[in-house]
Amino acid sequence: MTCQHRAPPFQAPCCQEQEEAISRSSWDERCAEILRRNAVQYTNTEIIALIETTTGKRFSMSVVSRKRAALGIDSPRRNQWSGPLRKAYLKARTCSLREDPASKREAE
């Protein structure tokens, strides 16, 4: 598939398919080893920099994230508490929105 957008030369490719095709074709055992060795301590951004400095290959965040997930390694600095708080907040907000003020006035 060809890109229909023209990006300036200093910008990253605008089509995800092109970026993934480039990344997929150049991911090798060295990149996988760097990811396995450093995945517990470093974030995806830091791993991208490590791979680039070691091998000279550059990957997008989504590629490294998928490779990490395929290995079954969780992100080292994952925020474990904000997800449940957000769910509780949204649930409470949804429940309060369901209460109809007109039905309260009729009950009085």
PDB file of N, CA and C in Angstrom:
ATOM      1  N   MET A   1       0.846  -1.180   0.000  1.00  0.00           N
ATOM      2  CA  MET A   1       0.000   0.000   0.000  1.00  0.00           C
ATOM      3  C   MET A   1       0.890   1.240   0.000  1.00  0.00           C
ATOM      4  N   THR A   2       0.594   2.178  -0.843  1.00  0.00           N
ATOM      5  CA  THR A   2       1.422   3.373  -0.917  1.00  0.00           C
ATOM      6  C   THR A   2       0.818   4.485  -0.081  1.00  0.00           C
ATOM      7  N   CYS A   3       1.681   5.322   0.391  1.00  0.00           N
ATOM      8  CA  CYS A   3       1.273   6.454   1.223  1.00  0.00           C
ATOM      9  C   CYS A   3       0.755   7.576   0.325  1.00  0.00           C
ATOM     10  N   GLN A   4      -0.370   8.142   0.685  1.00  0.00           N
ATOM     11  CA  GLN A   4      -0.948   9.209  -0.110  1.00  0.00           C
ATOM     12  C   GLN A   4      -0.552  10.580   0.418  1.00  0.00           C
ATOM     13  N   HIS A   5       0.128  10.604   1.551  1.00  0.00           N
ATOM     14  CA  HIS A   5       0.537  11.869   2.166  1.00  0.00           C
ATOM     15  C   HIS A   5       2.021  12.083   1.906  1.00  0.00           C
ATOM     16  N   ARG A   6       2.388  13.312   1.719  1.00  0.00           N
ATOM     17  CA  ARG A   6       3.800  13.624   1.522  1.00  0.00           C
ATOM     18  C   ARG A   6       4.317  14.266   2.793  1.00  0.00           C
ATOM     19  N   ALA A   7       5.167  13.558   3.498  1.00  0.00           N
ATOM     20  CA  ALA A   7       5.763  14.069   4.725  1.00  0.00           C
ATOM     21  C   ALA A   7       7.108  14.710   4.401  1.00  0.00           C
ATOM     22  N   PRO A   8       7.436  15.808   5.078  1.00  0.00           N
ATOM     23  CA  PRO A   8       8.766  16.393   4.885  1.00  0.00           C
ATOM     24  C   PRO A   8       9.837  15.377   5.285  1.00  0.00           C
ATOM     25  N   PRO A   9      11.029  15.489   4.744  1.00  0.00           N
ATOM     26  CA  PRO A   9      12.068  14.488   5.002  1.00  0.00           C
ATOM     27  C   PRO A   9      12.483  14.377   6.470  1.00  0.00           C
ATOM     28  N   PHE A  10      12.232  15.409   7.270  1.00  0.00           N
ATOM     29  CA  PHE A  10      12.647  15.373   8.663  1.00  0.00           C
ATOM     30  C   PHE A  10      11.612  14.703   9.560  1.00  0.00           C
ATOM     31  N   GLN A  11      10.457  14.334   9.045  1.00  0.00           N
ATOM     32  CA  GLN A  11       9.419  13.692   9.833  1.00  0.00           C
ATOM     33  C   GLN A  11       9.431  12.189   9.627  1.00  0.00           C
ATOM     34  N   ALA A  12       8.859  11.492  10.613  1.00  0.00           N
ATOM     35  CA  ALA A  12       8.728  10.036  10.515  1.00  0.00           C
ATOM     36  C   ALA A  12       7.713   9.692   9.431  1.00  0.00           C
ATOM     37  N   PRO A  13       7.725   8.474   8.922  1.00  0.00           N
ATOM     38  CA  PRO A  13       6.742   8.084   7.911  1.00  0.00           C
ATOM     39  C   PRO A  13       5.322   8.265   8.448  1.00  0.00           C
ATOM     40  N   CYS A  14       4.429   8.705   7.587  1.00  0.00           N
ATOM     41  CA  CYS A  14       3.077   8.985   8.047  1.00  0.00           C
ATOM     42  C   CYS A  14       2.182   7.753   8.010  1.00  0.00           C
ATOM     43  N   CYS A  15       2.564   6.750   7.310  1.00  0.00           N
ATOM     44  CA  CYS A  15       1.737   5.547   7.223  1.00  0.00           C
ATOM     45  C   CYS A  15       2.308   4.460   8.115  1.00  0.00           C
ATOM     46  N   GLN A  16       1.478   3.953   8.982  1.00  0.00           N
ATOM     47  CA  GLN A  16       1.910   2.942   9.938  1.00  0.00           C
ATOM     48  C   GLN A  16       2.361   1.662   9.234  1.00  0.00           C
ATOM     49  N   GLU A  17       1.708   1.307   8.127  1.00  0.00           N
ATOM     50  CA  GLU A  17       2.071   0.090   7.414  1.00  0.00           C
ATOM     51  C   GLU A  17       3.524   0.140   6.937  1.00  0.00           C
ATOM     52  N   GLN A  18       3.942   1.284   6.435  1.00  0.00           N
ATOM     53  CA  GLN A  18       5.312   1.419   5.948  1.00  0.00           C
ATOM     54  C   GLN A  18       6.296   1.262   7.100  1.00  0.00           C
ATOM     55  N   GLU A  19       6.014   1.905   8.221  1.00  0.00           N
ATOM     56  CA  GLU A  19       6.910   1.841   9.367  1.00  0.00           C
ATOM     57  C   GLU A  19       6.989   0.416   9.915  1.00  0.00           C
ATOM     58  N   GLU A  20       5.840  -0.257   9.997  1.00  0.00           N
ATOM     59  CA  GLU A  20       5.834  -1.625  10.502  1.00  0.00           C
ATOM     60  C   GLU A  20       6.559  -2.573   9.560  1.00  0.00           C
ATOM     61  N   ALA A  21       6.400  -2.361   8.257  1.00  0.00           N
ATOM     62  CA  ALA A  21       7.080  -3.224   7.287  1.00  0.00           C
ATOM     63  C   ALA A  21       8.589  -3.086   7.410  1.00  0.00           C
ATOM     64  N   ILE A  22       9.063  -1.868   7.589  1.00  0.00           N
ATOM     65  CA  ILE A  22      10.494  -1.641   7.753  1.00  0.00           C
ATOM     66  C   ILE A  22      10.974  -2.284   9.047  1.00  0.00           C
ATOM     67  N   SER A  23      10.248  -2.062  10.142  1.00  0.00           N
ATOM     68  CA  SER A  23      10.642  -2.586  11.440  1.00  0.00           C
ATOM     69  C   SER A  23      10.586  -4.108  11.467  1.00  0.00           C
ATOM     70  N   ARG A  24       9.530  -4.678  10.920  1.00  0.00           N
ATOM     71  CA  ARG A  24       9.360  -6.126  10.946  1.00  0.00           C
ATOM     72  C   ARG A  24      10.495  -6.824  10.202  1.00  0.00           C
ATOM     73  N   SER A  25      10.903  -6.259   9.096  1.00  0.00           N
ATOM     74  CA  SER A  25      11.927  -6.910   8.287  1.00  0.00           C
ATOM     75  C   SER A  25      13.310  -6.840   8.925  1.00  0.00           C
ATOM     76  N   SER A  26      13.556  -5.877   9.798  1.00  0.00           N
ATOM     77  CA  SER A  26      14.891  -5.735  10.342  1.00  0.00           C
ATOM     78  C   SER A  26      15.020  -6.200  11.800  1.00  0.00           C
ATOM     79  N   TRP A  27      13.934  -6.629  12.443  1.00  0.00           N
ATOM     80  CA  TRP A  27      14.016  -7.141  13.816  1.00  0.00           C
ATOM     81  C   TRP A  27      14.737  -8.489  13.768  1.00  0.00           C
ATOM     82  N   ASP A  28      15.782  -8.624  14.560  1.00  0.00           N
ATOM     83  CA  ASP A  28      16.534  -9.873  14.547  1.00  0.00           C
ATOM     84  C   ASP A  28      16.779 -10.361  15.973  1.00  0.00           C
ATOM     85  N   GLU A  29      17.574 -11.390  16.098  1.00  0.00           N
ATOM     86  CA  GLU A  29      17.837 -12.008  17.405  1.00  0.00           C
ATOM     87  C   GLU A  29      18.588 -11.055  18.336  1.00  0.00           C
ATOM     88  N   ARG A  30      19.441 -10.210  17.769  1.00  0.00           N
ATOM     89  CA  ARG A  30      20.144  -9.226  18.604  1.00  0.00           C
ATOM     90  C   ARG A  30      19.175  -8.259  19.266  1.00  0.00           C
ATOM     91  N   CYS A  31      18.195  -7.795  18.497  1.00  0.00           N
ATOM     92  CA  CYS A  31      17.179  -6.884  19.041  1.00  0.00           C
ATOM     93  C   CYS A  31      16.356  -7.592  20.115  1.00  0.00           C
ATOM     94  N   ALA A  32      15.995  -8.832  19.848  1.00  0.00           N
ATOM     95  CA  ALA A  32      15.214  -9.608  20.815  1.00  0.00           C
ATOM     96  C   ALA A  32      15.999  -9.823  22.103  1.00  0.00           C
ATOM     97  N   GLU A  33      17.302 -10.071  21.981  1.00  0.00           N
ATOM     98  CA  GLU A  33      18.145 -10.281  23.162  1.00  0.00           C
ATOM     99  C   GLU A  33      18.246  -9.004  24.000  1.00  0.00           C
ATOM    100  N   ILE A  34      18.398  -7.869  23.345  1.00  0.00           N
ATOM    101  CA  ILE A  34      18.442  -6.581  24.056  1.00  0.00           C
ATOM    102  C   ILE A  34      17.132  -6.365  24.795  1.00  0.00           C
ATOM    103  N   LEU A  35      16.023  -6.667  24.141  1.00  0.00           N
ATOM    104  CA  LEU A  35      14.718  -6.517  24.782  1.00  0.00           C
ATOM    105  C   LEU A  35      14.588  -7.454  25.980  1.00  0.00           C
ATOM    106  N   ARG A  36      14.928  -8.733  25.813  1.00  0.00           N
ATOM    107  CA  ARG A  36      14.825  -9.690  26.922  1.00  0.00           C
ATOM    108  C   ARG A  36      15.698  -9.292  28.105  1.00  0.00           C
ATOM    109  N   ARG A  37      16.902  -8.856  27.818  1.00  0.00           N
ATOM    110  CA  ARG A  37      17.855  -8.525  28.869  1.00  0.00           C
ATOM    111  C   ARG A  37      17.448  -7.275  29.654  1.00  0.00           C
ATOM    112  N   ASN A  38      16.799  -6.324  28.998  1.00  0.00           N
ATOM    113  CA  ASN A  38      16.532  -5.025  29.621  1.00  0.00           C
ATOM    114  C   ASN A  38      15.063  -4.740  29.901  1.00  0.00           C
ATOM    115  N   ALA A  39      14.170  -5.630  29.522  1.00  0.00           N
ATOM    116  CA  ALA A  39      12.733  -5.354  29.624  1.00  0.00           C
ATOM    117  C   ALA A  39      12.251  -5.159  31.051  1.00  0.00           C
ATOM    118  N   VAL A  40      12.895  -5.802  32.011  1.00  0.00           N
ATOM    119  CA  VAL A  40      12.434  -5.699  33.398  1.00  0.00           C
ATOM    120  C   VAL A  40      12.763  -4.328  33.993  1.00  0.00           C
ATOM    121  N   GLN A  41      13.887  -3.738  33.588  1.00  0.00           N
ATOM    122  CA  GLN A  41      14.327  -2.481  34.196  1.00  0.00           C
ATOM    123  C   GLN A  41      13.929  -1.239  33.413  1.00  0.00           C
ATOM    124  N   TYR A  42      13.781  -1.351  32.097  1.00  0.00           N
ATOM    125  CA  TYR A  42      13.617  -0.172  31.262  1.00  0.00           C
ATOM    126  C   TYR A  42      12.253  -0.099  30.592  1.00  0.00           C
ATOM    127  N   THR A  43      11.841   1.133  30.287  1.00  0.00           N
ATOM    128  CA  THR A  43      10.594   1.360  29.556  1.00  0.00           C
ATOM    129  C   THR A  43      10.824   1.114  28.070  1.00  0.00           C
ATOM    130  N   ASN A  44       9.753   1.096  27.299  1.00  0.00           N
ATOM    131  CA  ASN A  44       9.867   0.878  25.852  1.00  0.00           C
ATOM    132  C   ASN A  44      10.703   1.968  25.185  1.00  0.00           C
ATOM    133  N   THR A  45      10.540   3.203  25.625  1.00  0.00           N
ATOM    134  CA  THR A  45      11.308   4.307  25.049  1.00  0.00           C
ATOM    135  C   THR A  45      12.802   4.100  25.278  1.00  0.00           C
ATOM    136  N   GLU A  46      13.163   3.681  26.476  1.00  0.00           N
ATOM    137  CA  GLU A  46      14.572   3.440  26.792  1.00  0.00           C
ATOM    138  C   GLU A  46      15.115   2.242  25.995  1.00  0.00           C
ATOM    139  N   ILE A  47      14.285   1.226  25.815  1.00  0.00           N
ATOM    140  CA  ILE A  47      14.707   0.053  25.040  1.00  0.00           C
ATOM    141  C   ILE A  47      14.903   0.424  23.576  1.00  0.00           C
ATOM    142  N   ILE A  48      14.042   1.280  23.049  1.00  0.00           N
ATOM    143  CA  ILE A  48      14.200   1.753  21.667  1.00  0.00           C
ATOM    144  C   ILE A  48      15.560   2.429  21.514  1.00  0.00           C
ATOM    145  N   ALA A  49      15.919   3.275  22.474  1.00  0.00           N
ATOM    146  CA  ALA A  49      17.219   3.959  22.427  1.00  0.00           C
ATOM    147  C   ALA A  49      18.372   2.969  22.544  1.00  0.00           C
ATOM    148  N   LEU A  50      18.238   1.968  23.417  1.00  0.00           N
ATOM    149  CA  LEU A  50      19.287   0.954  23.565  1.00  0.00           C
ATOM    150  C   LEU A  50      19.502   0.171  22.268  1.00  0.00           C
ATOM    151  N   ILE A  51      18.407  -0.240  21.648  1.00  0.00           N
ATOM    152  CA  ILE A  51      18.504  -0.994  20.393  1.00  0.00           C
ATOM    153  C   ILE A  51      19.137  -0.127  19.313  1.00  0.00           C
ATOM    154  N   GLU A  52      18.733   1.137  19.265  1.00  0.00           N
ATOM    155  CA  GLU A  52      19.274   2.023  18.230  1.00  0.00           C
ATOM    156  C   GLU A  52      20.773   2.251  18.424  1.00  0.00           C
ATOM    157  N   THR A  53      21.209   2.457  19.671  1.00  0.00           N
ATOM    158  CA  THR A  53      22.641   2.692  19.893  1.00  0.00           C
ATOM    159  C   THR A  53      23.467   1.430  19.687  1.00  0.00           C
ATOM    160  N   THR A  54      22.901   0.276  20.013  1.00  0.00           N
ATOM    161  CA  THR A  54      23.646  -0.975  19.891  1.00  0.00           C
ATOM    162  C   THR A  54      23.690  -1.495  18.452  1.00  0.00           C
ATOM    163  N   THR A  55      22.528  -1.490  17.791  1.00  0.00           N
ATOM    164  CA  THR A  55      22.447  -2.110  16.462  1.00  0.00           C
ATOM    165  C   THR A  55      22.356  -1.110  15.314  1.00  0.00           C
ATOM    166  N   GLY A  56      21.970   0.128  15.619  1.00  0.00           N
ATOM    167  CA  GLY A  56      21.764   1.109  14.567  1.00  0.00           C
ATOM    168  C   GLY A  56      20.392   1.007  13.932  1.00  0.00           C
ATOM    169  N   LYS A  57      19.550   0.097  14.428  1.00  0.00           N
ATOM    170  CA  LYS A  57      18.197  -0.077  13.890  1.00  0.00           C
ATOM    171  C   LYS A  57      17.223   0.713  14.737  1.00  0.00           C
ATOM    172  N   ARG A  58      16.220   1.263  14.079  1.00  0.00           N
ATOM    173  CA  ARG A  58      15.261   2.104  14.773  1.00  0.00           C
ATOM    174  C   ARG A  58      13.874   1.489  14.660  1.00  0.00           C
ATOM    175  N   PHE A  59      13.157   1.427  15.799  1.00  0.00           N
ATOM    176  CA  PHE A  59      11.816   0.842  15.829  1.00  0.00           C
ATOM    177  C   PHE A  59      10.839   1.799  16.482  1.00  0.00           C
ATOM    178  N   SER A  60       9.582   1.653  16.130  1.00  0.00           N
ATOM    179  CA  SER A  60       8.545   2.476  16.730  1.00  0.00           C
ATOM    180  C   SER A  60       8.159   1.907  18.090  1.00  0.00           C
ATOM    181  N   MET A  61       7.451   2.715  18.855  1.00  0.00           N
ATOM    182  CA  MET A  61       6.988   2.300  20.178  1.00  0.00           C
ATOM    183  C   MET A  61       6.062   1.090  20.064  1.00  0.00           C
ATOM    184  N   SER A  62       5.204   1.073  19.057  1.00  0.00           N
ATOM    185  CA  SER A  62       4.247  -0.030  18.922  1.00  0.00           C
ATOM    186  C   SER A  62       4.940  -1.360  18.629  1.00  0.00           C
ATOM    187  N   VAL A  63       6.031  -1.330  17.866  1.00  0.00           N
ATOM    188  CA  VAL A  63       6.751  -2.566  17.553  1.00  0.00           C
ATOM    189  C   VAL A  63       7.371  -3.140  18.824  1.00  0.00           C
ATOM    190  N   VAL A  64       8.052  -2.297  19.589  1.00  0.00           N
ATOM    191  CA  VAL A  64       8.698  -2.768  20.818  1.00  0.00           C
ATOM    192  C   VAL A  64       7.641  -3.216  21.827  1.00  0.00           C
ATOM    193  N   SER A  65       6.541  -2.508  21.889  1.00  0.00           N
ATOM    194  CA  SER A  65       5.463  -2.886  22.796  1.00  0.00           C
ATOM    195  C   SER A  65       4.898  -4.258  22.444  1.00  0.00           C
ATOM    196  N   ARG A  66       4.682  -4.508  21.149  1.00  0.00           N
ATOM    197  CA  ARG A  66       4.178  -5.820  20.726  1.00  0.00           C
ATOM    198  C   ARG A  66       5.183  -6.930  21.005  1.00  0.00           C
ATOM    199  N   LYS A  67       6.459  -6.647  20.772  1.00  0.00           N
ATOM    200  CA  LYS A  67       7.497  -7.657  21.045  1.00  0.00           C
ATOM    201  C   LYS A  67       7.564  -7.966  22.538  1.00  0.00           C
ATOM    202  N   ARG A  68       7.438  -6.932  23.376  1.00  0.00           N
ATOM    203  CA  ARG A  68       7.428  -7.123  24.826  1.00  0.00           C
ATOM    204  C   ARG A  68       6.229  -7.968  25.245  1.00  0.00           C
ATOM    205  N   ALA A  69       5.075  -7.671  24.688  1.00  0.00           N
ATOM    206  CA  ALA A  69       3.863  -8.431  25.012  1.00  0.00           C
ATOM    207  C   ALA A  69       3.988  -9.886  24.556  1.00  0.00           C
ATOM    208  N   ALA A  70       4.608 -10.096  23.406  1.00  0.00           N
ATOM    209  CA  ALA A  70       4.788 -11.467  22.903  1.00  0.00           C
ATOM    210  C   ALA A  70       5.675 -12.283  23.839  1.00  0.00           C
ATOM    211  N   LEU A  71       6.631 -11.616  24.492  1.00  0.00           N
ATOM    212  CA  LEU A  71       7.488 -12.299  25.459  1.00  0.00           C
ATOM    213  C   LEU A  71       6.815 -12.463  26.821  1.00  0.00           C
ATOM    214  N   GLY A  72       5.675 -11.797  27.003  1.00  0.00           N
ATOM    215  CA  GLY A  72       4.952 -11.890  28.273  1.00  0.00           C
ATOM    216  C   GLY A  72       5.565 -11.068  29.381  1.00  0.00           C
ATOM    217  N   ILE A  73       6.291 -10.006  29.026  1.00  0.00           N
ATOM    218  CA  ILE A  73       6.945  -9.149  30.016  1.00  0.00           C
ATOM    219  C   ILE A  73       6.143  -7.874  30.171  1.00  0.00           C
ATOM    220  N   ASP A  74       5.760  -7.574  31.405  1.00  0.00           N
ATOM    221  CA  ASP A  74       4.997  -6.371  31.687  1.00  0.00           C
ATOM    222  C   ASP A  74       5.930  -5.163  31.753  1.00  0.00           C
ATOM    223  N   SER A  75       5.379  -3.980  31.580  1.00  0.00           N
ATOM    224  CA  SER A  75       6.162  -2.759  31.682  1.00  0.00           C
ATOM    225  C   SER A  75       6.640  -2.575  33.122  1.00  0.00           C
ATOM    226  N   PRO A  76       7.882  -2.135  33.329  1.00  0.00           N
ATOM    227  CA  PRO A  76       8.418  -2.060  34.683  1.00  0.00           C
ATOM    228  C   PRO A  76       7.798  -0.984  35.557  1.00  0.00           C
ATOM    229  N   ARG A  77       7.310   0.071  34.965  1.00  0.00           N
ATOM    230  CA  ARG A  77       6.771   1.184  35.750  1.00  0.00           C
ATOM    231  C   ARG A  77       5.276   1.358  35.530  1.00  0.00           C
ATOM    232  N   ARG A  78       4.588   0.242  35.374  1.00  0.00           N
ATOM    233  CA  ARG A  78       3.152   0.301  35.126  1.00  0.00           C
ATOM    234  C   ARG A  78       2.438   0.850  36.355  1.00  0.00           C
ATOM    235  N   ASN A  79       1.496   1.713  36.108  1.00  0.00           N
ATOM    236  CA  ASN A  79       0.742   2.321  37.181  1.00  0.00           C
ATOM    237  C   ASN A  79      -0.414   1.395  37.546  1.00  0.00           C
ATOM    238  N   GLN A  80      -0.318   0.730  38.692  1.00  0.00           N
ATOM    239  CA  GLN A  80      -1.289  -0.286  39.082  1.00  0.00           C
ATOM    240  C   GLN A  80      -2.527   0.282  39.778  1.00  0.00           C
ATOM    241  N   TRP A  81      -2.515   1.528  40.195  1.00  0.00           N
ATOM    242  CA  TRP A  81      -3.630   2.019  41.006  1.00  0.00           C
ATOM    243  C   TRP A  81      -4.578   2.964  40.289  1.00  0.00           C
ATOM    244  N   SER A  82      -4.162   3.634  39.243  1.00  0.00           N
ATOM    245  CA  SER A  82      -5.052   4.615  38.627  1.00  0.00           C
ATOM    246  C   SER A  82      -6.159   3.969  37.789  1.00  0.00           C
ATOM    247  N   GLY A  83      -5.915   2.791  37.234  1.00  0.00           N
ATOM    248  CA  GLY A  83      -6.950   2.113  36.445  1.00  0.00           C
ATOM    249  C   GLY A  83      -8.193   1.804  37.260  1.00  0.00           C
ATOM    250  N   PRO A  84      -8.061   1.132  38.415  1.00  0.00           N
ATOM    251  CA  PRO A  84      -9.241   0.873  39.245  1.00  0.00           C
ATOM    252  C   PRO A  84      -9.920   2.150  39.737  1.00  0.00           C
ATOM    253  N   LEU A  85      -9.136   3.184  40.045  1.00  0.00           N
ATOM    254  CA  LEU A  85      -9.735   4.448  40.476  1.00  0.00           C
ATOM    255  C   LEU A  85     -10.565   5.070  39.357  1.00  0.00           C
ATOM    256  N   ARG A  86     -10.039   5.030  38.160  1.00  0.00           N
ATOM    257  CA  ARG A  86     -10.773   5.601  37.018  1.00  0.00           C
ATOM    258  C   ARG A  86     -12.060   4.824  36.765  1.00  0.00           C
ATOM    259  N   LYS A  87     -11.990   3.479  36.867  1.00  0.00           N
ATOM    260  CA  LYS A  87     -13.197   2.669  36.681  1.00  0.00           C
ATOM    261  C   LYS A  87     -14.258   3.030  37.705  1.00  0.00           C
ATOM    262  N   ALA A  88     -13.858   3.157  38.971  1.00  0.00           N
ATOM    263  CA  ALA A  88     -14.804   3.505  40.035  1.00  0.00           C
ATOM    264  C   ALA A  88     -15.403   4.886  39.791  1.00  0.00           C
ATOM    265  N   TYR A  89     -14.578   5.834  39.364  1.00  0.00           N
ATOM    266  CA  TYR A  89     -15.056   7.178  39.081  1.00  0.00           C
ATOM    267  C   TYR A  89     -16.083   7.167  37.953  1.00  0.00           C
ATOM    268  N   LEU A  90     -15.772   6.459  36.867  1.00  0.00           N
ATOM    269  CA  LEU A  90     -16.692   6.408  35.733  1.00  0.00           C
ATOM    270  C   LEU A  90     -17.984   5.692  36.097  1.00  0.00           C
ATOM    271  N   LYS A  91     -17.891   4.645  36.911  1.00  0.00           N
ATOM    272  CA  LYS A  91     -19.082   3.926  37.332  1.00  0.00           C
ATOM    273  C   LYS A  91     -19.977   4.827  38.184  1.00  0.00           C
ATOM    274  N   ALA A  92     -19.380   5.549  39.129  1.00  0.00           N
ATOM    275  CA  ALA A  92     -20.146   6.457  39.984  1.00  0.00           C
ATOM    276  C   ALA A  92     -20.768   7.577  39.149  1.00  0.00           C
ATOM    277  N   ARG A  93     -20.027   8.076  38.197  1.00  0.00           N
ATOM    278  CA  ARG A  93     -20.532   9.156  37.349  1.00  0.00           C
ATOM    279  C   ARG A  93     -21.690   8.666  36.485  1.00  0.00           C
ATOM    280  N   THR A  94     -21.564   7.457  35.951  1.00  0.00           N
ATOM    281  CA  THR A  94     -22.627   6.889  35.125  1.00  0.00           C
ATOM    282  C   THR A  94     -23.886   6.674  35.943  1.00  0.00           C
ATOM    283  N   CYS A  95     -23.730   6.188  37.164  1.00  0.00           N
ATOM    284  CA  CYS A  95     -24.893   5.966  38.031  1.00  0.00           C
ATOM    285  C   CYS A  95     -25.584   7.277  38.370  1.00  0.00           C
ATOM    286  N   SER A  96     -24.807   8.327  38.643  1.00  0.00           N
ATOM    287  CA  SER A  96     -25.420   9.613  38.984  1.00  0.00           C
ATOM    288  C   SER A  96     -26.097  10.242  37.780  1.00  0.00           C
ATOM    289  N   LEU A  97     -25.622   9.972  36.589  1.00  0.00           N
ATOM    290  CA  LEU A  97     -26.252  10.507  35.384  1.00  0.00           C
ATOM    291  C   LEU A  97     -27.571   9.796  35.086  1.00  0.00           C
ATOM    292  N   ARG A  98     -27.684   8.553  35.521  1.00  0.00           N
ATOM    293  CA  ARG A  98     -28.911   7.795  35.273  1.00  0.00           C
ATOM    294  C   ARG A  98     -30.067   8.289  36.132  1.00  0.00           C
ATOM    295  N   GLU A  99     -29.749   8.876  37.266  1.00  0.00           N
ATOM    296  CA  GLU A  99     -30.810   9.394  38.131  1.00  0.00           C
ATOM    297  C   GLU A  99     -31.433  10.609  37.457  1.00  0.00           C
ATOM    298  N   ASP A 100     -32.697  10.541  37.250  1.00  0.00           N
ATOM    299  CA  ASP A 100     -33.421  11.616  36.566  1.00  0.00           C
ATOM    300  C   ASP A 100     -33.963  12.593  37.600  1.00  0.00           C
ATOM    301  N   PRO A 101     -33.583  13.864  37.546  1.00  0.00           N
ATOM    302  CA  PRO A 101     -34.074  14.849  38.516  1.00  0.00           C
ATOM    303  C   PRO A 101     -35.594  14.988  38.469  1.00  0.00           C
ATOM    304  N   ALA A 102     -36.231  14.786  37.324  1.00  0.00           N
ATOM    305  CA  ALA A 102     -37.686  14.918  37.224  1.00  0.00           C
ATOM    306  C   ALA A 102     -38.377  13.834  38.047  1.00  0.00           C
ATOM    307  N   SER A 103     -37.847  12.612  38.067  1.00  0.00           N
ATOM    308  CA  SER A 103     -38.464  11.542  38.833  1.00  0.00           C
ATOM    309  C   SER A 103     -38.339  11.798  40.332  1.00  0.00           C
ATOM    310  N   LYS A 104     -37.303  12.501  40.756  1.00  0.00           N
ATOM    311  CA  LYS A 104     -37.141  12.840  42.167  1.00  0.00           C
ATOM    312  C   LYS A 104     -38.226  13.838  42.585  1.00  0.00           C
ATOM    313  N   ARG A 105     -38.520  14.808  41.707  1.00  0.00           N
ATOM    314  CA  ARG A 105     -39.536  15.823  42.030  1.00  0.00           C
ATOM    315  C   ARG A 105     -40.927  15.193  42.116  1.00  0.00           C
ATOM    316  N   GLU A 106     -41.212  14.208  41.254  1.00  0.00           N
ATOM    317  CA  GLU A 106     -42.511  13.552  41.277  1.00  0.00           C
ATOM    318  C   GLU A 106     -42.697  12.729  42.540  1.00  0.00           C
ATOM    319  N   ALA A 107     -41.620  12.149  43.051  1.00  0.00           N
ATOM    320  CA  ALA A 107     -41.705  11.322  44.254  1.00  0.00           C
ATOM    321  C   ALA A 107     -41.981  12.162  45.492  1.00  0.00           C
ATOM    322  N   GLU A 108     -41.624  13.436  45.479  1.00  0.00           N
ATOM    323  CA  GLU A 108     -41.817  14.299  46.649  1.00  0.00           C
ATOM    324  C   GLU A 108     -43.199  14.780  46.777  1.00  0.00           C
TER     325      GLU A 108
END
